[in-house]
Amino acid sequence: MSTATKVRCGSPYLLVQSVLFDNDRRRVVSVAAEQLGEKMASLAEQGQTISDALDELLTRSWG
């Protein structure tokens, strides 16, 4: 499996540094903060970059 997003049964699976993550929105939103473990990183300072990338993606999709 590559580092790209894989889709199986409608749920995206992500491979990050050889660890497979199930990115199913239904399960992600239902996890209690206490179960998440130690904070690894923050995207707080990347908000504008993320917003710009989403804008570009959506603009290209719906032009």
Protein backbone atom coordinates (compact mmCIF):
# COMPACT_ATOMS: atom_id res chain seq x y z
CA MET A 1 0.00 0.00 0.00
CA SER A 2 1.40 3.42 -0.88
CA THR A 3 1.23 6.56 1.23
CA ALA A 4 -1.73 7.70 -0.87
CA THR A 5 -5.29 7.41 0.40
CA LYS A 6 -6.82 4.00 -0.21
CA VAL A 7 -10.56 3.40 -0.26
CA ARG A 8 -12.09 0.14 0.93
CA CYS A 9 -15.81 -0.39 1.53
CA GLY A 10 -16.39 3.34 1.16
CA SER A 11 -14.07 4.34 4.02
CA PRO A 12 -10.70 5.99 3.40
CA TYR A 13 -7.68 4.29 4.92
CA LEU A 14 -4.51 6.33 5.32
CA LEU A 15 -0.99 4.93 5.62
CA VAL A 16 1.24 7.30 7.58
CA GLN A 17 4.79 6.26 8.47
CA SER A 18 3.86 2.57 8.10
CA VAL A 19 0.81 2.91 10.40
CA LEU A 20 -2.62 2.28 8.87
CA PHE A 21 -5.37 4.67 10.00
CA ASP A 22 -9.09 4.24 9.39
CA ASN A 23 -10.35 7.73 8.61
CA ASP A 24 -14.06 6.86 8.78
CA ARG A 25 -15.83 10.10 9.76
CA ARG A 26 -18.44 8.23 11.78
CA ARG A 27 -15.78 6.80 14.07
CA VAL A 28 -13.50 9.85 14.16
CA VAL A 29 -16.18 12.21 15.46
CA SER A 30 -17.28 9.76 18.14
CA VAL A 31 -13.91 9.37 19.87
CA ALA A 32 -13.61 10.99 23.30
CA ALA A 33 -10.67 13.39 23.64
CA GLU A 34 -9.34 11.30 26.53
CA GLN A 35 -8.93 8.34 24.17
CA LEU A 36 -6.79 10.19 21.64
CA GLY A 37 -3.52 9.93 23.53
CA GLU A 38 -0.61 12.32 23.46
CA LYS A 39 -0.80 15.30 21.10
CA MET A 40 1.66 14.78 18.25
CA ALA A 41 1.39 18.07 16.37
CA SER A 42 -0.81 21.09 15.80
CA LEU A 43 -2.17 22.57 12.60
CA ALA A 44 -3.16 25.80 14.33
CA GLU A 45 -0.61 27.88 12.42
CA GLN A 46 -1.51 26.23 9.10
CA GLY A 47 -5.13 27.39 8.97
CA GLN A 48 -4.73 29.75 6.03
CA THR A 49 -2.68 27.24 4.05
CA ILE A 50 -5.33 24.56 4.60
CA SER A 51 -8.11 26.98 3.69
CA ASP A 52 -6.29 28.01 0.50
CA ALA A 53 -5.76 24.37 -0.49
CA LEU A 54 -9.44 23.55 0.06
CA ASP A 55 -10.46 26.64 -1.91
CA GLU A 56 -8.27 25.57 -4.81
CA LEU A 57 -9.59 22.01 -4.67
CA LEU A 58 -13.23 23.10 -4.61
CA THR A 59 -12.71 25.74 -7.28
CA ARG A 60 -11.25 23.15 -9.63
CA SER A 61 -14.01 20.68 -8.83
CA TRP A 62 -16.97 23.00 -9.36
CA GLY A 63 -15.19 25.70 -11.35
